[in-house]
Protein backbone atom coordinates (compact mmCIF):
# COMPACT_ATOMS: atom_id res chain seq x y z
CA MET A 1 0.06 0.04 -0.01
CA MET A 2 1.21 3.47 -1.05
CA VAL A 3 1.60 5.93 2.16
CA ARG A 4 -0.31 9.10 0.89
CA GLU A 5 1.04 12.53 1.74
CA PRO A 6 -1.46 14.70 3.04
CA MET A 7 -3.85 16.94 0.91
CA SER A 8 -2.01 20.44 -0.12
CA PRO A 9 -2.32 22.71 2.81
CA VAL A 10 -3.97 25.28 -0.03
CA LYS A 11 -6.45 24.79 -1.63
CA ASP A 12 -5.46 26.43 -5.00
CA LYS A 13 -5.63 24.55 -7.99
CA ASN A 14 -1.74 25.57 -9.04
CA TYR A 15 -0.14 25.04 -5.40
CA ASP A 16 1.31 21.79 -6.28
CA LEU A 17 2.79 22.99 -9.76
CA ILE A 18 4.61 25.65 -7.75
CA HIS A 19 5.60 23.83 -5.07
CA ALA A 20 7.09 21.12 -7.48
CA VAL A 21 8.65 24.31 -9.29
CA GLN A 22 10.16 25.96 -6.06
CA MET A 23 12.00 22.15 -5.16
CA SER A 24 13.31 21.95 -8.38
CA LEU A 25 15.11 25.47 -8.06
CA GLN A 26 16.12 24.36 -4.24
CA HIS A 27 17.41 21.45 -5.99
CA ILE A 28 19.46 23.42 -8.40
CA TRP A 29 21.01 25.51 -5.65
CA GLN A 30 21.92 22.62 -3.54
CA MET A 31 24.03 20.78 -6.29
CA GLU A 32 26.06 24.06 -6.12
CA THR A 33 26.97 22.70 -3.19
CA TYR A 34 27.40 18.82 -3.66
CA ILE A 35 29.67 20.01 -6.71
CA ALA A 36 31.82 22.13 -5.01
CA ASP A 37 32.49 19.58 -2.43
CA ALA A 38 32.80 16.71 -4.72
CA GLU A 39 35.36 18.76 -6.80
CA ASP A 40 36.95 19.82 -3.66
CA ARG A 41 37.78 15.84 -3.16
CA GLY A 42 38.77 15.17 -6.35
CA ASP A 43 35.47 12.73 -7.45
CA LYS A 44 35.40 14.03 -11.15
CA GLU A 45 32.79 11.37 -11.73
CA LEU A 46 29.80 12.34 -8.57
CA ALA A 47 30.54 16.16 -9.47
CA THR A 48 29.81 15.15 -13.46
CA TRP A 49 26.56 13.13 -11.70
CA PHE A 50 25.92 16.19 -10.09
CA ARG A 51 25.62 18.47 -12.48
CA LYS A 52 23.48 16.25 -14.30
CA ILE A 53 20.84 16.41 -11.62
CA GLN A 54 20.98 20.06 -11.92
CA GLU A 55 20.47 20.39 -15.47
CA ASN A 56 17.46 17.89 -15.29
CA ASN A 57 16.09 20.43 -12.42
CA ARG A 58 16.60 23.16 -14.54
CA LYS A 59 14.79 21.40 -17.70
CA ALA A 60 11.61 21.06 -14.77
CA SER A 61 12.16 24.17 -13.60
CA ASP A 62 11.87 25.41 -16.45
CA GLN A 63 9.16 23.63 -17.93
CA GLY A 64 7.30 23.91 -14.96
CA LYS A 65 7.38 27.99 -15.20
CA LYS A 66 5.95 27.63 -18.44
CA MET A 67 3.63 25.64 -17.54
CA LEU A 68 2.54 27.93 -14.43
CA MET A 69 2.55 30.83 -16.37
CA ASP A 70 0.19 29.51 -19.43
CA ARG A 71 -2.39 28.64 -17.17
CA LEU A 72 -2.03 31.92 -15.12
CA GLN A 73 -2.96 33.73 -18.56
CA LYS A 74 -5.73 31.12 -19.49
CA GLU A 75 -7.11 31.87 -15.45
CA ASN A 76 -7.08 35.59 -16.75
CA GLY A 77 -7.36 35.53 -19.79
C-alpha cells in the first residue's frame, strides 16, 4: 500500500505545480554545494553526476514555470 502525503494545505489548483517548481529550483541551488564538495575531493565522476541532476532540475523548473505561466494566462485571459 502506498502512503499518501496529506492534501495540499492550500486549495489553489496551482499550488502543487508551484511547489514542484520551487523544489526544482532549490535542488539546482543545493547541487552547487554537492558539486563543490565533490570537486574539492577530486571526485570528477560524482561532480559530473551532480551536474546532470542539476541540469534535469533546471529543465523541470523551466517547464514548470512555462506551464504555470500558460495556466495563469488562461485564468486571466
